[in-house]
Structures are given as structure tokens and as C-alpha cells.
Amino acid sequence: MPEGDTVFLLARRLHARLAGRPVRRSDLRVPRFATADLSGTRLVGTVSRGKHLLTRLVPESGAVLTEPTTLHTHLRMDGQWTVLGPGRRLPARLEPDVRVVLQTDGPTAVALRMPVVELVPTALEHTVVGHLGPDLLDAALPVGERVERAVRNLARRPERGLKAALLDQRNLAGIGNLWADEVCFLRGRSPWAPVGDVDLPPLVGLAVRMLTFSVGPSRAPQVTTGDTRPGRRHWVSGRAGQPCLRCGTTVLVEAEVPGDPERRRTWWCPHCQPG
């Protein structure tokens, strides 16, 4: 599943290509909204909230819609957005995967294999993202407030394992498997350490800084070590059986337990993360 910074960058690209453009034709290929007509609306823009995408539209003259509306999508494991230039078409082999088409007076945005597609009044966006904890990339909130809210949420269950708590989007939004493993490593804590035994403010603060750097101008998204060479981009994630880049101990991996949100695939260094 894409991490929060990946979805943030996707929202930025969609916004840059589509914001302000009128929708000439729409096609939502999901049963619940198959008859929805977004033509006559104008794309206000797209923002991310954790791993969710909110594409906002406002009605203009001739629109079927009568109120500002948000197209809510979530990529989960396989979803994808692509933007086609004027006159460009998808390869025919991808047509069965199309779930959303937004044709503007210029580019056309297409969502493929999108598992979550729904329309909600923009005033009711909270019904689809209101359950999320603070978005670690939400620049509208001061960094200190993002950290404080996340720490408060995490501390509600002090007995819970650290990584599982970090992955729970109700506590804080945007951290996925890669970031959880890397943050635990850099703070020297076992992924299974009880939350109540962890100094949370510096850990969450580090997560905010790392995600912010990933979406910044460095052009090195999700490089946590500062080394872009193959096999050296991450401290532990994806490096099972290889020597730890810090101490040389063999990096271990714990297999995922299907259906158990507390047991995701986890990489860690037993020497650098003793507890």
C-alpha cells in the first residue's frame, strides 16, 4: 500500500495538472455512482489526507450537480491515477481496469483499479476522513500540534506494540510499513515495544521530519539513509539477511500474519533495536 508521502506527491501532481479546469465529461465505473454526471463542474483541486485523496469540484452553469462535491478515492494496494495529455488514449489492454474518467478541456485524468471511489458533498468530507488522526504532512497545522495530537492518540493504548500503533491511521495518518520500520530503527526501539515504554514526542517528530523531507525538493523520496545507491536507500526495510548499515548485524524480518493488523511484515536490527 502506498505510504502517505507517495499519496501526497500524487495529490500534488493531480492538482498541478487539473486544478481550475472544467470537466467536459465524466465516467464513474462503479455501481453506486455509475449514473453520476460531473460534467459542467470545475476541478478546484486535489489534496491528500493520510492515504486518502480528495478531489474537489464545484458546479458551474449547466452542471447536473447542485453543490460542491468531493470525489474520494483510496489506492489501497493496486489503485493508480494517471493523467493523459490532450488527444492521448489509454492502451486498450487497460480499459477493463478503468474506474474513473475526468475529461477536461485539456488533460484527462483516469483512475485504474481503484478500490474506493465515492462522491460526497464537500461539506461532509469528514464522513470519509474524519476518523483519521493528524496528517503528518498537513502544513495547515503547526508541526508541534501535529506531534502533540499524534502522541495523545498513541498514548491511549500504552500496552499496544509500537509499530502496530504507528500503522493505525486513527492515531496518525500517513505512516506505512516502510516508515514505521525506519522510524523504529532510527529511534533504537523494537517494533514490538509497548507504546507506554517509548518516548513518543521525539519519535513522532522524527517521522514528521522524514516524511516532509521525502516530499521536499531533494528528489530522493523515501530515501531514509541519504544514500541513493541500490540496497542502501533504507536502514532495515527490505534488507533481510543483509548486514545492518550501522552495526553490521544481520537484519531480520518477521513474516506478516494475514488478517492480523498487529502482525505486519517487519524488518529490524536486533542489535540496534534491543527493546
C-alpha atoms as a PDB file:
ATOM      1  CA  MET A   1       0.000   0.000   0.000  1.00  0.00           C
ATOM      2  CA  PRO A   2       1.399   3.456  -0.867  1.00  0.00           C
ATOM      3  CA  GLU A   3       2.737   5.491   2.029  1.00  0.00           C
ATOM      4  CA  GLY A   4       1.363   8.901   2.958  1.00  0.00           C
ATOM      5  CA  ASP A   5       4.195  10.778   1.250  1.00  0.00           C
ATOM      6  CA  THR A   6       3.567   8.896  -2.014  1.00  0.00           C
ATOM      7  CA  VAL A   7      -0.115   9.864  -1.909  1.00  0.00           C
ATOM      8  CA  PHE A   8       0.825  13.458  -1.031  1.00  0.00           C
ATOM      9  CA  LEU A   9       3.054  13.689  -4.125  1.00  0.00           C
ATOM     10  CA  LEU A  10       0.311  12.176  -6.273  1.00  0.00           C
ATOM     11  CA  ALA A  11      -2.175  14.770  -4.985  1.00  0.00           C
ATOM     12  CA  ARG A  12       0.343  17.491  -5.801  1.00  0.00           C
ATOM     13  CA  ARG A  13       0.703  16.212  -9.394  1.00  0.00           C
ATOM     14  CA  LEU A  14      -3.053  15.912  -9.898  1.00  0.00           C
ATOM     15  CA  HIS A  15      -3.557  19.410  -8.514  1.00  0.00           C
ATOM     16  CA  ALA A  16      -0.890  20.880 -10.780  1.00  0.00           C
ATOM     17  CA  ARG A  17      -2.361  19.292 -13.909  1.00  0.00           C
ATOM     18  CA  LEU A  18      -6.084  19.672 -13.235  1.00  0.00           C
ATOM     19  CA  ALA A  19      -6.869  22.496 -10.791  1.00  0.00           C
ATOM     20  CA  GLY A  20      -9.100  25.155 -12.300  1.00  0.00           C
ATOM     21  CA  ARG A  21     -10.094  23.119 -15.350  1.00  0.00           C
ATOM     22  CA  PRO A  22     -13.717  22.426 -16.336  1.00  0.00           C
ATOM     23  CA  VAL A  23     -14.922  18.835 -16.523  1.00  0.00           C
ATOM     24  CA  ARG A  24     -16.266  18.177 -20.038  1.00  0.00           C
ATOM     25  CA  ARG A  25     -17.107  14.503 -19.493  1.00  0.00           C
ATOM     26  CA  SER A  26     -17.040  12.086 -16.591  1.00  0.00           C
ATOM     27  CA  ASP A  27     -17.406   8.345 -16.253  1.00  0.00           C
ATOM     28  CA  LEU A  28     -17.515   6.607 -12.863  1.00  0.00           C
ATOM     29  CA  ARG A  29     -17.418   2.865 -13.456  1.00  0.00           C
ATOM     30  CA  VAL A  30     -18.553   1.756 -10.027  1.00  0.00           C
ATOM     31  CA  PRO A  31     -22.121   0.561  -9.440  1.00  0.00           C
ATOM     32  CA  ARG A  32     -23.102   3.062  -6.772  1.00  0.00           C
ATOM     33  CA  PHE A  33     -22.137   6.125  -8.825  1.00  0.00           C
ATOM     34  CA  ALA A  34     -22.377   4.801 -12.373  1.00  0.00           C
ATOM     35  CA  THR A  35     -25.073   7.343 -13.293  1.00  0.00           C
ATOM     36  CA  ALA A  36     -23.326  10.345 -11.724  1.00  0.00           C
ATOM     37  CA  ASP A  37     -22.580  13.164 -14.154  1.00  0.00           C
ATOM     38  CA  LEU A  38     -19.775  15.559 -13.206  1.00  0.00           C
ATOM     39  CA  SER A  39     -19.758  17.456 -16.478  1.00  0.00           C
ATOM     40  CA  GLY A  40     -20.221  21.180 -16.036  1.00  0.00           C
ATOM     41  CA  THR A  41     -18.222  21.243 -12.817  1.00  0.00           C
ATOM     42  CA  ARG A  42     -14.826  22.806 -12.293  1.00  0.00           C
ATOM     43  CA  LEU A  43     -11.965  20.998 -10.606  1.00  0.00           C
ATOM     44  CA  VAL A  44     -10.943  23.052  -7.584  1.00  0.00           C
ATOM     45  CA  GLY A  45      -8.014  20.766  -6.833  1.00  0.00           C
ATOM     46  CA  THR A  46      -6.860  17.598  -5.111  1.00  0.00           C
ATOM     47  CA  VAL A  47      -5.477  17.180  -1.595  1.00  0.00           C
ATOM     48  CA  SER A  48      -4.351  14.170   0.388  1.00  0.00           C
ATOM     49  CA  ARG A  49      -5.382  13.207   3.899  1.00  0.00           C
ATOM     50  CA  GLY A  50      -3.113  10.439   5.035  1.00  0.00           C
ATOM     51  CA  LYS A  51      -3.524   7.813   2.332  1.00  0.00           C
ATOM     52  CA  HIS A  52      -6.822   9.236   1.038  1.00  0.00           C
ATOM     53  CA  LEU A  53      -7.296  11.542  -1.965  1.00  0.00           C
ATOM     54  CA  LEU A  54      -9.947  14.254  -2.075  1.00  0.00           C
ATOM     55  CA  THR A  55     -10.657  15.785  -5.483  1.00  0.00           C
ATOM     56  CA  ARG A  56     -12.970  18.760  -5.092  1.00  0.00           C
ATOM     57  CA  LEU A  57     -15.401  20.018  -7.709  1.00  0.00           C
ATOM     58  CA  VAL A  58     -17.778  22.984  -7.827  1.00  0.00           C
ATOM     59  CA  PRO A  59     -20.823  23.250 -10.108  1.00  0.00           C
ATOM     60  CA  GLU A  60     -20.940  25.868 -12.825  1.00  0.00           C
ATOM     61  CA  SER A  61     -23.600  26.829 -15.341  1.00  0.00           C
ATOM     62  CA  GLY A  62     -25.258  23.750 -16.829  1.00  0.00           C
ATOM     63  CA  ALA A  63     -23.915  21.286 -14.270  1.00  0.00           C
ATOM     64  CA  VAL A  64     -26.124  18.470 -13.026  1.00  0.00           C
ATOM     65  CA  LEU A  65     -24.547  18.743  -9.580  1.00  0.00           C
ATOM     66  CA  THR A  66     -26.016  21.458  -7.412  1.00  0.00           C
ATOM     67  CA  GLU A  67     -23.449  21.660  -4.584  1.00  0.00           C
ATOM     68  CA  PRO A  68     -19.677  21.443  -4.144  1.00  0.00           C
ATOM     69  CA  THR A  69     -18.780  17.771  -4.299  1.00  0.00           C
ATOM     70  CA  THR A  70     -15.696  15.730  -3.480  1.00  0.00           C
ATOM     71  CA  LEU A  71     -14.513  12.644  -5.332  1.00  0.00           C
ATOM     72  CA  HIS A  72     -12.958  10.459  -2.636  1.00  0.00           C
ATOM     73  CA  THR A  73     -10.513   7.783  -3.772  1.00  0.00           C
ATOM     74  CA  HIS A  74      -8.142   5.443  -1.948  1.00  0.00           C
ATOM     75  CA  LEU A  75      -5.436   3.468  -3.751  1.00  0.00           C
ATOM     76  CA  ARG A  76      -5.013   0.668  -1.187  1.00  0.00           C
ATOM     77  CA  MET A  77      -2.718  -1.900  -2.840  1.00  0.00           C
ATOM     78  CA  ASP A  78      -3.423  -1.582  -6.571  1.00  0.00           C
ATOM     79  CA  GLY A  79      -5.107   1.736  -7.342  1.00  0.00           C
ATOM     80  CA  GLN A  80      -3.481   4.221  -9.694  1.00  0.00           C
ATOM     81  CA  TRP A  81      -4.190   7.678 -11.091  1.00  0.00           C
ATOM     82  CA  THR A  82      -2.766   8.730 -14.440  1.00  0.00           C
ATOM     83  CA  VAL A  83      -3.159  11.953 -16.408  1.00  0.00           C
ATOM     84  CA  LEU A  84      -3.264  11.793 -20.195  1.00  0.00           C
ATOM     85  CA  GLY A  85      -2.340  14.749 -22.344  1.00  0.00           C
ATOM     86  CA  PRO A  86      -4.835  16.120 -24.914  1.00  0.00           C
ATOM     87  CA  GLY A  87      -5.549  13.567 -27.607  1.00  0.00           C
ATOM     88  CA  ARG A  88      -3.819  10.726 -25.754  1.00  0.00           C
ATOM     89  CA  ARG A  89      -5.630   7.454 -25.019  1.00  0.00           C
ATOM     90  CA  LEU A  90      -5.034   4.570 -22.692  1.00  0.00           C
ATOM     91  CA  PRO A  91      -3.797   1.309 -24.223  1.00  0.00           C
ATOM     92  CA  ALA A  92      -6.780  -0.909 -24.972  1.00  0.00           C
ATOM     93  CA  ARG A  93      -5.493  -3.572 -22.582  1.00  0.00           C
ATOM     94  CA  LEU A  94      -6.061  -1.178 -19.647  1.00  0.00           C
ATOM     95  CA  GLU A  95      -9.687  -0.337 -20.433  1.00  0.00           C
ATOM     96  CA  PRO A  96     -11.070  -3.088 -18.131  1.00  0.00           C
ATOM     97  CA  ASP A  97      -9.161  -1.502 -15.253  1.00  0.00           C
ATOM     98  CA  VAL A  98     -10.703   1.970 -15.630  1.00  0.00           C
ATOM     99  CA  ARG A  99     -12.825   3.113 -12.680  1.00  0.00           C
ATOM    100  CA  VAL A 100     -12.922   6.914 -13.160  1.00  0.00           C
ATOM    101  CA  VAL A 101     -12.567   9.213 -16.173  1.00  0.00           C
ATOM    102  CA  LEU A 102     -12.453  13.000 -15.773  1.00  0.00           C
ATOM    103  CA  GLN A 103     -12.029  14.626 -19.173  1.00  0.00           C
ATOM    104  CA  THR A 104     -11.263  18.330 -19.059  1.00  0.00           C
ATOM    105  CA  ASP A 105     -10.647  20.956 -21.708  1.00  0.00           C
ATOM    106  CA  GLY A 106      -7.033  19.784 -21.625  1.00  0.00           C
ATOM    107  CA  PRO A 107      -5.765  16.646 -19.861  1.00  0.00           C
ATOM    108  CA  THR A 108      -7.870  13.644 -18.917  1.00  0.00           C
ATOM    109  CA  ALA A 109      -7.451  12.042 -15.505  1.00  0.00           C
ATOM    110  CA  VAL A 110      -8.055   8.306 -15.277  1.00  0.00           C
ATOM    111  CA  ALA A 111      -8.201   6.115 -12.177  1.00  0.00           C
ATOM    112  CA  LEU A 112      -7.273   2.471 -12.667  1.00  0.00           C
ATOM    113  CA  ARG A 113      -8.107  -0.480 -10.383  1.00  0.00           C
ATOM    114  CA  MET A 114      -9.279   1.993  -7.753  1.00  0.00           C
ATOM    115  CA  PRO A 115     -10.839   0.052  -4.855  1.00  0.00           C
ATOM    116  CA  VAL A 116     -12.504   3.086  -3.244  1.00  0.00           C
ATOM    117  CA  VAL A 117     -14.472   5.533  -5.405  1.00  0.00           C
ATOM    118  CA  GLU A 118     -17.243   7.639  -3.926  1.00  0.00           C
ATOM    119  CA  LEU A 119     -18.834  11.051  -4.138  1.00  0.00           C
ATOM    120  CA  VAL A 120     -19.654  13.065  -1.031  1.00  0.00           C
ATOM    121  CA  PRO A 121     -20.722  16.677  -0.541  1.00  0.00           C
ATOM    122  CA  THR A 122     -17.550  18.646   0.167  1.00  0.00           C
ATOM    123  CA  ALA A 123     -19.151  19.896   3.394  1.00  0.00           C
ATOM    124  CA  LEU A 124     -19.319  16.247   4.530  1.00  0.00           C
ATOM    125  CA  GLU A 125     -15.735  15.186   3.785  1.00  0.00           C
ATOM    126  CA  HIS A 126     -15.392  14.404   7.464  1.00  0.00           C
ATOM    127  CA  THR A 127     -17.615  11.366   6.934  1.00  0.00           C
ATOM    128  CA  VAL A 128     -14.853   9.683   4.913  1.00  0.00           C
ATOM    129  CA  VAL A 129     -11.679  11.053   6.549  1.00  0.00           C
ATOM    130  CA  GLY A 130     -12.859  12.281   9.944  1.00  0.00           C
ATOM    131  CA  HIS A 131     -11.726   9.068  11.626  1.00  0.00           C
ATOM    132  CA  LEU A 132      -8.081   9.767  10.772  1.00  0.00           C
ATOM    133  CA  GLY A 133      -5.526  11.035  13.222  1.00  0.00           C
ATOM    134  CA  PRO A 134      -3.454  14.107  12.351  1.00  0.00           C
ATOM    135  CA  ASP A 135      -1.904  14.010   8.891  1.00  0.00           C
ATOM    136  CA  LEU A 136       1.840  14.253   9.451  1.00  0.00           C
ATOM    137  CA  LEU A 137       2.150  16.237   6.197  1.00  0.00           C
ATOM    138  CA  ASP A 138      -0.683  18.676   6.914  1.00  0.00           C
ATOM    139  CA  ALA A 139       1.074  22.035   6.575  1.00  0.00           C
ATOM    140  CA  ALA A 140      -2.090  23.777   7.805  1.00  0.00           C
ATOM    141  CA  LEU A 141      -1.226  22.513  11.287  1.00  0.00           C
ATOM    142  CA  PRO A 142       1.962  23.629  13.060  1.00  0.00           C
ATOM    143  CA  VAL A 143       4.431  20.777  13.451  1.00  0.00           C
ATOM    144  CA  GLY A 144       4.110  20.919  17.223  1.00  0.00           C
ATOM    145  CA  GLU A 145       0.359  20.462  17.027  1.00  0.00           C
ATOM    146  CA  ARG A 146       0.675  17.514  14.653  1.00  0.00           C
ATOM    147  CA  VAL A 147       3.106  15.863  17.044  1.00  0.00           C
ATOM    148  CA  GLU A 148       1.024  16.645  20.134  1.00  0.00           C
ATOM    149  CA  ARG A 149      -2.179  15.222  18.639  1.00  0.00           C
ATOM    150  CA  ALA A 150      -0.462  12.071  17.415  1.00  0.00           C
ATOM    151  CA  VAL A 151       1.257  11.474  20.748  1.00  0.00           C
ATOM    152  CA  ARG A 152      -2.028  11.919  22.592  1.00  0.00           C
ATOM    153  CA  ASN A 153      -3.696   9.324  20.336  1.00  0.00           C
ATOM    154  CA  LEU A 154      -0.844   6.836  20.614  1.00  0.00           C
ATOM    155  CA  ALA A 155      -0.762   7.115  24.397  1.00  0.00           C
ATOM    156  CA  ARG A 156      -4.369   5.976  24.734  1.00  0.00           C
ATOM    157  CA  ARG A 157      -3.251   2.341  24.474  1.00  0.00           C
ATOM    158  CA  PRO A 158       0.106   2.131  26.252  1.00  0.00           C
ATOM    159  CA  GLU A 159       0.153  -1.676  26.094  1.00  0.00           C
ATOM    160  CA  ARG A 160      -0.007  -1.797  22.288  1.00  0.00           C
ATOM    161  CA  GLY A 161       3.051  -2.668  20.195  1.00  0.00           C
ATOM    162  CA  LEU A 162       4.807   0.403  18.781  1.00  0.00           C
ATOM    163  CA  LYS A 163       4.717  -0.473  15.092  1.00  0.00           C
ATOM    164  CA  ALA A 164       1.080  -1.559  15.125  1.00  0.00           C
ATOM    165  CA  ALA A 165       0.159   1.721  16.835  1.00  0.00           C
ATOM    166  CA  LEU A 166       2.103   3.754  14.267  1.00  0.00           C
ATOM    167  CA  LEU A 167       0.344   1.992  11.398  1.00  0.00           C
ATOM    168  CA  ASP A 168      -3.107   2.672  12.844  1.00  0.00           C
ATOM    169  CA  GLN A 169      -4.293   5.642  10.786  1.00  0.00           C
ATOM    170  CA  ARG A 170      -6.700   6.601  13.573  1.00  0.00           C
ATOM    171  CA  ASN A 171      -3.663   7.583  15.643  1.00  0.00           C
ATOM    172  CA  LEU A 172      -1.695   9.425  12.986  1.00  0.00           C
ATOM    173  CA  ALA A 173      -2.194   9.451   9.235  1.00  0.00           C
ATOM    174  CA  GLY A 174       0.438   8.818   6.606  1.00  0.00           C
ATOM    175  CA  ILE A 175       2.829   6.264   8.084  1.00  0.00           C
ATOM    176  CA  GLY A 176       3.019   2.948   6.244  1.00  0.00           C
ATOM    177  CA  ASN A 177       5.121  -0.152   6.686  1.00  0.00           C
ATOM    178  CA  LEU A 178       8.364   1.336   5.375  1.00  0.00           C
ATOM    179  CA  TRP A 179       8.244   4.461   7.510  1.00  0.00           C
ATOM    180  CA  ALA A 180       7.230   2.553  10.632  1.00  0.00           C
ATOM    181  CA  ASP A 181      10.216   0.200  10.333  1.00  0.00           C
ATOM    182  CA  GLU A 182      12.658   3.011   9.574  1.00  0.00           C
ATOM    183  CA  VAL A 183      11.460   5.260  12.403  1.00  0.00           C
ATOM    184  CA  CYS A 184      11.634   2.403  14.913  1.00  0.00           C
ATOM    185  CA  PHE A 185      15.203   1.687  13.789  1.00  0.00           C
ATOM    186  CA  LEU A 186      16.354   5.276  13.976  1.00  0.00           C
ATOM    187  CA  ARG A 187      14.937   5.668  17.479  1.00  0.00           C
ATOM    188  CA  GLY A 188      16.512   2.362  18.541  1.00  0.00           C
ATOM    189  CA  ARG A 189      13.238   0.764  19.604  1.00  0.00           C
ATOM    190  CA  SER A 190      11.892  -2.692  18.934  1.00  0.00           C
ATOM    191  CA  PRO A 191       8.817  -2.616  16.666  1.00  0.00           C
ATOM    192  CA  TRP A 192       7.050  -4.619  19.403  1.00  0.00           C
ATOM    193  CA  ALA A 193       7.979  -2.369  22.323  1.00  0.00           C
ATOM    194  CA  PRO A 194       4.890  -1.270  24.301  1.00  0.00           C
ATOM    195  CA  VAL A 195       3.916   2.269  23.387  1.00  0.00           C
ATOM    196  CA  GLY A 196       3.916   3.201  27.049  1.00  0.00           C
ATOM    197  CA  ASP A 197       7.652   2.447  27.278  1.00  0.00           C
ATOM    198  CA  VAL A 198       8.563   4.721  24.351  1.00  0.00           C
ATOM    199  CA  ASP A 199       9.485   8.413  24.403  1.00  0.00           C
ATOM    200  CA  LEU A 200       6.856   9.363  21.854  1.00  0.00           C
ATOM    201  CA  PRO A 201       7.353  13.100  21.090  1.00  0.00           C
ATOM    202  CA  PRO A 202      10.840  12.741  19.544  1.00  0.00           C
ATOM    203  CA  LEU A 203       9.771   9.627  17.642  1.00  0.00           C
ATOM    204  CA  VAL A 204       6.734  11.318  16.105  1.00  0.00           C
ATOM    205  CA  GLY A 205       8.742  14.481  15.480  1.00  0.00           C
ATOM    206  CA  LEU A 206      11.286  12.412  13.568  1.00  0.00           C
ATOM    207  CA  ALA A 207       8.508  10.857  11.484  1.00  0.00           C
ATOM    208  CA  VAL A 208       7.216  14.322  10.567  1.00  0.00           C
ATOM    209  CA  ARG A 209      10.690  15.478   9.519  1.00  0.00           C
ATOM    210  CA  MET A 210      11.349  12.345   7.455  1.00  0.00           C
ATOM    211  CA  LEU A 211       8.067  12.500   5.562  1.00  0.00           C
ATOM    212  CA  THR A 212       8.476  16.230   4.994  1.00  0.00           C
ATOM    213  CA  PHE A 213      11.960  15.669   3.571  1.00  0.00           C
ATOM    214  CA  SER A 214      10.596  12.897   1.338  1.00  0.00           C
ATOM    215  CA  VAL A 215       8.116  15.254  -0.357  1.00  0.00           C
ATOM    216  CA  GLY A 216      10.565  18.169  -0.496  1.00  0.00           C
ATOM    217  CA  PRO A 217      12.914  19.332  -3.241  1.00  0.00           C
ATOM    218  CA  SER A 218      15.586  16.684  -2.575  1.00  0.00           C
ATOM    219  CA  ARG A 219      14.280  14.428  -5.375  1.00  0.00           C
ATOM    220  CA  ALA A 220      15.037  11.460  -3.137  1.00  0.00           C
ATOM    221  CA  PRO A 221      11.621  10.305  -1.926  1.00  0.00           C
ATOM    222  CA  GLN A 222      11.674   7.575   0.708  1.00  0.00           C
ATOM    223  CA  VAL A 223      15.478   7.505   0.934  1.00  0.00           C
ATOM    224  CA  THR A 224      15.993   7.301   4.687  1.00  0.00           C
ATOM    225  CA  THR A 225      19.779   6.803   4.773  1.00  0.00           C
ATOM    226  CA  GLY A 226      20.770   9.650   2.469  1.00  0.00           C
ATOM    227  CA  ASP A 227      22.419   7.075   0.170  1.00  0.00           C
ATOM    228  CA  THR A 228      20.587   6.535  -3.129  1.00  0.00           C
ATOM    229  CA  ARG A 229      22.662   3.527  -4.217  1.00  0.00           C
ATOM    230  CA  PRO A 230      20.706   0.264  -4.694  1.00  0.00           C
ATOM    231  CA  GLY A 231      20.441  -1.671  -1.454  1.00  0.00           C
ATOM    232  CA  ARG A 232      21.462   1.300   0.681  1.00  0.00           C
ATOM    233  CA  ARG A 233      18.391   3.542   0.474  1.00  0.00           C
ATOM    234  CA  HIS A 234      16.868   2.182   3.704  1.00  0.00           C
ATOM    235  CA  TRP A 235      18.319   1.212   7.054  1.00  0.00           C
ATOM    236  CA  VAL A 236      16.349  -2.009   7.521  1.00  0.00           C
ATOM    237  CA  SER A 237      13.230  -2.079   5.320  1.00  0.00           C
ATOM    238  CA  GLY A 238      13.580  -4.721   2.622  1.00  0.00           C
ATOM    239  CA  ARG A 239      17.114  -5.673   3.762  1.00  0.00           C
ATOM    240  CA  ALA A 240      16.527  -9.056   5.448  1.00  0.00           C
ATOM    241  CA  GLY A 241      19.707 -11.152   5.563  1.00  0.00           C
ATOM    242  CA  GLN A 242      21.961  -8.190   4.825  1.00  0.00           C
ATOM    243  CA  PRO A 243      24.286  -6.511   7.318  1.00  0.00           C
ATOM    244  CA  CYS A 244      22.908  -3.563   9.237  1.00  0.00           C
ATOM    245  CA  LEU A 245      24.327  -0.380   7.751  1.00  0.00           C
ATOM    246  CA  ARG A 246      25.070   0.904  11.240  1.00  0.00           C
ATOM    247  CA  CYS A 247      26.455  -2.095  13.192  1.00  0.00           C
ATOM    248  CA  GLY A 248      26.880  -4.973  10.732  1.00  0.00           C
ATOM    249  CA  THR A 249      24.423  -7.316  12.485  1.00  0.00           C
ATOM    250  CA  THR A 250      22.221  -9.320  10.112  1.00  0.00           C
ATOM    251  CA  VAL A 251      18.880  -7.581   9.536  1.00  0.00           C
ATOM    252  CA  LEU A 252      15.925  -9.832  10.364  1.00  0.00           C
ATOM    253  CA  VAL A 253      12.389  -9.979   9.013  1.00  0.00           C
ATOM    254  CA  GLU A 254       9.213 -11.162  10.691  1.00  0.00           C
ATOM    255  CA  ALA A 255       6.586 -12.520   8.289  1.00  0.00           C
ATOM    256  CA  GLU A 256       3.151 -10.943   8.083  1.00  0.00           C
ATOM    257  CA  VAL A 257       0.229 -12.776   9.649  1.00  0.00           C
ATOM    258  CA  PRO A 258      -2.671 -12.407   7.178  1.00  0.00           C
ATOM    259  CA  GLY A 259      -5.707 -10.756   8.685  1.00  0.00           C
ATOM    260  CA  ASP A 260      -3.874  -9.626  11.825  1.00  0.00           C
ATOM    261  CA  PRO A 261      -3.268  -5.838  11.792  1.00  0.00           C
ATOM    262  CA  GLU A 262      -0.857  -6.242  14.722  1.00  0.00           C
ATOM    263  CA  ARG A 263       1.462  -8.515  12.745  1.00  0.00           C
ATOM    264  CA  ARG A 264       2.647  -6.828   9.576  1.00  0.00           C
ATOM    265  CA  ARG A 265       5.857  -7.840   7.809  1.00  0.00           C
ATOM    266  CA  THR A 266       8.599  -6.197   9.815  1.00  0.00           C
ATOM    267  CA  TRP A 267      12.323  -5.617   9.300  1.00  0.00           C
ATOM    268  CA  TRP A 268      14.605  -4.740  12.214  1.00  0.00           C
ATOM    269  CA  CYS A 269      18.129  -4.984  13.570  1.00  0.00           C
ATOM    270  CA  PRO A 270      18.236  -6.983  16.824  1.00  0.00           C
ATOM    271  CA  HIS A 271      21.392  -5.191  17.968  1.00  0.00           C
ATOM    272  CA  CYS A 272      20.348  -1.591  17.234  1.00  0.00           C
ATOM    273  CA  GLN A 273      16.754  -2.181  18.417  1.00  0.00           C
ATOM    274  CA  PRO A 274      17.079  -4.257  21.587  1.00  0.00           C
ATOM    275  CA  GLY A 275      13.789  -3.239  23.109  1.00  0.00           C
END
